[in-house]
Protein backbone atom coordinates (compact mmCIF):
# COMPACT_ATOMS: atom_id res chain seq x y z
CA MET A 1 65.30 51.18 59.52
CA ILE A 2 69.02 51.00 58.82
CA TYR A 3 71.14 49.03 61.29
CA THR A 4 74.93 49.13 61.43
CA VAL A 5 76.98 46.47 63.20
CA THR A 6 80.33 47.11 64.86
CA LEU A 7 81.47 43.98 66.67
CA ASN A 8 84.86 45.45 67.61
CA PRO A 9 84.38 49.20 68.27
CA SER A 10 87.17 51.49 69.37
CA LEU A 11 88.16 54.86 70.66
CA ASP A 12 90.06 56.43 67.79
CA TYR A 13 92.85 58.66 69.05
CA ILE A 14 93.87 60.69 66.00
CA VAL A 15 96.98 62.83 66.29
CA SER A 16 98.79 65.13 63.90
CA VAL A 17 102.58 65.52 64.11
CA ASN A 18 104.73 67.91 62.12
CA LYS A 19 107.59 66.07 60.39
CA PHE A 20 107.11 62.81 62.30
CA LYS A 21 110.39 61.03 63.12
CA SER A 22 110.42 57.30 63.85
CA GLY A 23 112.35 56.34 66.98
CA ALA A 24 112.26 59.90 68.37
CA THR A 25 110.02 61.89 70.71
CA ASN A 26 107.33 63.66 68.70
CA ARG A 27 104.89 66.37 69.81
CA THR A 28 101.34 66.48 68.56
CA THR A 29 99.95 69.60 66.93
CA ASN A 30 96.34 68.41 66.96
CA GLU A 31 94.40 65.65 68.74
CA ILE A 32 90.94 64.20 68.09
CA ILE A 33 89.10 61.46 69.99
CA ASN A 34 86.23 59.82 68.09
CA PRO A 35 84.12 56.71 68.51
CA GLY A 36 85.58 54.28 65.99
CA GLY A 37 84.85 51.13 64.08
CA LYS A 38 83.60 50.88 60.53
CA GLY A 39 79.94 50.39 61.41
CA ILE A 40 80.00 53.37 63.75
CA ASN A 41 81.60 55.47 61.00
CA VAL A 42 78.77 54.51 58.64
CA SER A 43 76.21 55.45 61.32
CA ILE A 44 77.77 58.89 61.79
CA VAL A 45 77.69 59.73 58.08
CA LEU A 46 74.18 58.31 57.66
CA SER A 47 73.05 60.61 60.46
CA ASN A 48 74.87 63.56 58.88
CA LEU A 49 72.92 62.81 55.69
CA GLY A 50 69.64 62.77 57.60
CA LEU A 51 69.05 59.00 57.50
CA GLU A 52 67.81 57.53 60.77
CA ASN A 53 69.76 54.48 61.86
CA ILE A 54 70.58 52.35 64.88
CA ALA A 55 74.11 51.22 65.73
CA LEU A 56 74.49 47.69 67.11
CA GLY A 57 77.51 46.06 68.70
CA PHE A 58 79.33 45.48 71.97
CA TYR A 59 81.26 47.62 74.43
CA ALA A 60 83.35 46.97 77.52
CA GLY A 61 85.14 48.82 80.31
CA PHE A 62 85.96 52.50 80.65
CA THR A 63 86.84 52.84 76.96
CA GLY A 64 83.50 51.29 76.03
CA GLU A 65 81.64 53.73 78.29
CA LYS A 66 83.40 56.61 76.52
CA ILE A 67 82.40 55.21 73.13
CA ILE A 68 78.75 55.09 74.19
CA ASN A 69 78.90 58.64 75.61
CA LEU A 70 80.41 59.94 72.37
CA LEU A 71 77.66 58.22 70.37
CA ILE A 72 75.03 59.84 72.59
CA ASP A 73 76.72 63.24 72.20
CA ALA A 74 76.61 62.77 68.42
CA ASN A 75 72.90 61.85 68.56
CA ILE A 76 73.60 58.36 67.21
CA ASN A 77 70.93 55.90 68.31
CA ASN A 78 72.50 52.71 69.58
CA LYS A 79 71.60 49.40 71.16
CA PHE A 80 75.11 48.30 72.07
CA ILE A 81 75.40 45.35 74.45
CA LYS A 82 77.64 45.74 77.50
CA LEU A 83 80.26 43.04 78.09
CA SER A 84 81.19 42.09 81.63
CA ASP A 85 84.96 41.76 81.09
CA GLY A 86 87.76 43.65 79.37
CA ASN A 87 87.91 47.01 77.66
CA SER A 88 86.97 48.14 74.19
CA ARG A 89 90.08 48.83 72.15
CA ILE A 90 91.90 52.08 71.47
CA ASN A 91 93.18 52.72 67.94
CA VAL A 92 95.97 55.26 67.49
CA LYS A 93 96.16 57.02 64.13
CA CYS A 94 99.13 59.30 63.49
CA ARG A 95 99.13 61.84 60.65
CA ASN A 96 102.54 63.00 59.49
CA ILE A 97 102.20 66.65 58.44
CA GLY A 98 104.60 68.00 55.83
CA GLU A 99 106.09 71.47 55.44
CA ALA A 100 103.18 72.57 53.26
CA GLY A 101 100.71 71.57 55.96
CA ASP A 102 99.43 68.55 54.06
CA VAL A 103 99.17 64.97 55.29
CA ILE A 104 102.08 63.09 53.71
CA GLU A 105 101.66 59.80 55.59
CA GLU A 106 99.25 58.12 58.01
CA THR A 107 100.24 55.36 60.44
CA GLU A 108 97.75 53.28 62.41
CA ILE A 109 98.16 51.11 65.51
CA ASN A 110 94.96 49.19 66.17
CA GLY A 111 94.15 47.41 69.42
CA ASN A 112 92.77 43.87 69.61
CA GLY A 113 89.59 44.55 71.58
CA THR A 114 87.90 42.17 73.99
CA ASN A 115 86.22 38.79 73.64
CA ILE A 116 82.46 38.45 73.21
CA ASN A 117 80.92 35.81 75.47
CA SER A 118 78.14 33.46 74.38
CA GLU A 119 75.46 35.15 76.50
CA ALA A 120 76.14 38.55 74.92
CA LEU A 121 76.25 36.97 71.46
CA ASP A 122 72.82 35.39 72.06
CA CYS A 123 71.45 38.85 72.94
CA PHE A 124 72.91 40.22 69.72
CA TYR A 125 71.28 37.48 67.62
CA THR A 126 67.95 38.28 69.28
CA GLN A 127 68.34 41.85 68.02
CA ILE A 128 69.21 40.65 64.52
CA LYS A 129 66.32 38.20 64.30
CA ALA A 130 63.90 41.05 65.05
CA LEU A 131 64.80 42.78 61.77
CA THR A 132 62.07 43.02 59.12
CA ASP A 133 61.78 42.91 55.34
CA GLU A 134 62.01 46.71 55.24
CA ASP A 135 65.31 46.96 57.11
CA VAL A 136 68.89 47.38 55.90
CA LEU A 137 71.73 45.67 57.79
CA ILE A 138 75.35 46.82 57.40
CA LEU A 139 78.10 44.48 58.60
CA SER A 140 81.45 46.26 58.73
CA GLY A 141 84.99 45.82 59.92
CA SER A 142 87.03 43.40 61.96
CA VAL A 143 85.76 41.07 64.67
CA PRO A 144 87.21 40.06 68.06
CA SER A 145 89.69 37.20 67.89
CA ASN A 146 87.42 34.73 69.70
CA LEU A 147 84.79 34.89 66.94
CA ASP A 148 84.97 32.68 63.88
CA HIS A 149 85.37 34.17 60.41
CA THR A 150 81.92 32.80 59.57
CA ILE A 151 80.28 35.27 61.97
CA TYR A 152 78.99 37.62 59.27
CA LYS A 153 77.70 34.66 57.26
CA ASP A 154 75.95 33.36 60.39
CA VAL A 155 74.36 36.77 60.98
CA ILE A 156 73.04 36.91 57.40
CA GLN A 157 71.67 33.39 57.66
CA SER A 158 69.73 34.41 60.76
CA VAL A 159 67.62 36.74 58.55
CA LYS A 160 67.63 34.51 55.45
CA ASN A 161 63.85 34.09 55.50
CA LYS A 162 63.36 37.84 55.24
CA HIS A 163 64.09 40.39 52.54
CA THR A 164 66.47 42.40 54.69
CA LYS A 165 69.08 44.10 52.48
CA VAL A 166 72.55 43.22 53.77
CA ILE A 167 75.72 45.21 53.03
CA VAL A 168 79.13 43.74 53.88
CA ASP A 169 82.40 45.65 54.18
CA ALA A 170 85.03 43.25 55.49
CA THR A 171 88.30 41.63 54.52
CA LYS A 172 89.13 38.26 53.00
CA ASP A 173 87.41 35.29 54.71
CA LEU A 174 84.97 37.48 56.64
CA LEU A 175 83.73 38.75 53.28
CA LEU A 176 84.18 35.62 51.17
CA ASN A 177 82.18 33.47 53.60
CA THR A 178 79.14 35.72 53.10
CA LEU A 179 78.99 35.45 49.32
CA GLU A 180 76.90 32.27 49.26
CA CYS A 181 74.25 34.27 51.16
CA LYS A 182 74.06 36.76 48.27
CA PRO A 183 74.58 40.07 50.13
CA PHE A 184 72.95 43.07 48.46
CA LEU A 185 76.22 45.03 48.35
CA ILE A 186 79.86 44.40 49.17
CA LYS A 187 82.54 47.10 49.22
CA PRO A 188 86.11 45.87 48.87
CA ASN A 189 88.89 48.28 48.00
CA LYS A 190 91.63 47.64 45.45
CA HIS A 191 94.07 46.30 48.05
CA GLU A 192 91.45 43.91 49.40
CA LEU A 193 90.76 42.61 45.89
CA GLU A 194 94.46 41.86 45.57
CA GLU A 195 94.41 40.03 48.91
CA ILE A 196 91.33 38.00 48.05
CA PHE A 197 92.56 36.82 44.67
CA GLU A 198 96.30 36.88 45.51
CA VAL A 199 97.15 39.04 42.53
CA GLU A 200 98.64 42.43 41.80
CA ILE A 201 96.16 44.73 40.07
CA SER A 202 97.55 47.37 37.75
CA ASN A 203 94.56 48.87 35.92
CA ASP A 204 90.79 49.47 35.96
CA ASP A 205 90.08 46.58 33.60
CA GLU A 206 91.56 44.17 36.12
CA ILE A 207 89.53 45.75 38.94
CA GLU A 208 86.39 45.29 36.86
CA HIS A 209 87.35 41.67 36.14
CA TYR A 210 87.75 40.77 39.80
CA ALA A 211 84.66 42.73 40.85
CA LYS A 212 82.66 40.65 38.37
CA LYS A 213 84.21 37.49 39.81
CA LEU A 214 82.91 38.47 43.25
CA GLN A 215 79.50 39.07 41.73
CA ALA A 216 79.60 35.64 40.10
CA MET A 217 80.44 34.20 43.53
CA GLY A 218 77.22 35.61 44.98
CA ALA A 219 77.37 39.35 45.63
CA VAL A 220 74.44 41.21 44.07
CA ASN A 221 76.26 44.55 43.72
CA VAL A 222 80.00 45.17 44.04
CA LEU A 223 81.37 48.63 44.86
CA VAL A 224 85.17 48.94 44.72
CA SER A 225 86.86 51.97 46.25
CA MET A 226 90.14 53.03 44.66
CA GLY A 227 91.20 56.03 46.74
CA ALA A 228 92.28 59.02 44.67
CA ASP A 229 91.54 57.03 41.51
CA GLY A 230 87.81 57.01 42.28
CA ALA A 231 85.58 53.96 42.35
CA LEU A 232 83.89 51.28 40.28
CA LEU A 233 80.45 49.70 40.69
CA VAL A 234 79.16 46.54 39.05
CA ASP A 235 75.43 46.71 39.67
CA GLU A 236 72.87 43.91 39.80
CA SER A 237 72.11 44.30 36.08
CA GLY A 238 75.78 43.84 35.18
CA ILE A 239 76.20 47.51 34.27
CA VAL A 240 79.64 48.90 35.17
CA HIS A 241 79.85 52.43 36.56
CA LYS A 242 83.24 54.15 36.81
CA SER A 243 84.27 57.58 38.04
CA PHE A 244 87.38 59.43 39.13
CA ALA A 245 87.36 61.04 42.57
CA PRO A 246 86.90 64.82 42.82
CA LYS A 247 90.06 66.86 43.33
CA GLY A 248 90.77 68.17 46.81
CA GLU A 249 93.19 68.22 49.74
CA VAL A 250 93.11 64.96 51.68
CA LYS A 251 92.95 65.78 55.39
CA ASN A 252 91.67 62.49 56.77
CA SER A 253 91.44 59.12 55.03
CA VAL A 254 89.91 57.44 58.11
CA GLY A 255 86.33 56.47 57.35
CA ALA A 256 86.34 57.47 53.69
CA GLY A 257 85.33 53.96 52.61
CA ASP A 258 82.64 53.81 55.30
CA SER A 259 81.33 57.15 54.10
CA MET A 260 80.99 55.64 50.61
CA ILE A 261 78.55 53.06 51.96
CA ALA A 262 76.50 55.77 53.67
CA GLY A 263 76.52 57.87 50.50
CA PHE A 264 75.49 54.90 48.36
CA LEU A 265 72.52 54.13 50.61
CA TYR A 266 71.51 57.79 50.72
CA GLY A 267 71.61 58.03 46.93
CA LEU A 268 69.73 54.77 46.42
CA ILE A 269 66.98 55.73 48.86
CA LYS A 270 66.74 59.23 47.38
CA THR A 271 66.72 58.28 43.69
CA ASN A 272 66.28 54.48 43.38
CA ASP A 273 68.96 54.70 40.68
CA PHE A 274 72.29 52.85 40.87
CA ASN A 275 74.23 55.46 38.91
CA GLU A 276 73.05 58.24 41.22
CA ALA A 277 73.78 56.10 44.27
CA PHE A 278 77.27 55.49 42.89
CA LYS A 279 77.86 59.23 42.46
CA TYR A 280 76.69 59.94 45.99
CA SER A 281 79.02 57.23 47.30
CA ILE A 282 82.03 58.88 45.66
CA ALA A 283 80.92 62.32 46.86
CA ALA A 284 80.53 61.10 50.46
CA GLY A 285 83.86 59.26 50.50
CA SER A 286 85.71 62.23 49.06
CA ALA A 287 83.94 64.74 51.32
CA SER A 288 85.06 62.80 54.42
CA ALA A 289 88.61 62.55 53.05
CA PHE A 290 88.67 66.33 52.54
CA SER A 291 87.35 67.04 56.06
CA GLU A 292 88.97 66.82 59.49
CA ASN A 293 86.02 64.73 60.62
CA PHE A 294 83.21 63.06 58.68
CA ALA A 295 81.36 64.56 55.74
CA SER A 296 78.41 66.85 56.32
CA LYS A 297 75.40 66.72 54.02
CA ASP A 298 76.30 70.09 52.48
CA GLU A 299 79.82 68.87 51.71
CA VAL A 300 78.49 65.68 50.10
CA VAL A 301 75.92 67.49 47.96
CA ASN A 302 78.51 70.06 46.90
CA LEU A 303 80.85 67.36 45.59
CA TYR A 304 77.98 65.37 44.09
CA ASN A 305 77.05 68.42 41.99
CA LYS A 306 80.60 68.47 40.59
CA LEU A 307 80.53 64.86 39.38
């Protein structure tokens, strides 16, 4: 079984505005409300690709209830734990639509979320410790402010005596702290590489260099997303895979990186080949970027066949 973890889920309120003007009253031309959080995004695309999975995490208040209802409506299996206080966060994502009808800029305002108490956290660890050698665990996204940046490392250590494959998609210390646990796959993007190593990256050779540094620090496989420039994978054998992204109109960049993780897993399970998994990851990420919502299986396979 594949398990995704979203410790700080959200309601994503996605609005489109023609010729957005800062400091003025703007009218939306389109509105979408989705369950949000990187782990949830991965779960949605995994389900679209036909891979059974269970979403884990926490929810609180009326916004949390809406998140759970939206997951149920989308046929996403979940074992989210209810918190007694607070409300799950709302993230506002504004798309600025140009004269040609294309997205020329996206602005995000993300809420903080609510604290996770020790009792709820103990319940979560009970879920994690029940994982088996055959399972895959995906740890994605930000965490509530009351949790330490070692939380993902602590989660991995709770299954250290098993052969559970762990995938981590997080920023800076949340990611770096997990490397000593040798996660199966990490997925930084170019900007996150620059943050981690406090450098400015100007070409693919530098991306490869820093991806290999992360591998030397403990990651088994390193997948780097580069937006319109494609992606790069350094696999467990040290082989470097590179590809440009397919051409298309970007309608929604939210969840493109999460879709890459889902596509990678789908490709690896389907073919047991890292190069094919890499191609499926790019196809899934691009398909979600070219869609108003998340990629369907047909959209992913169509782009995969063009790579």
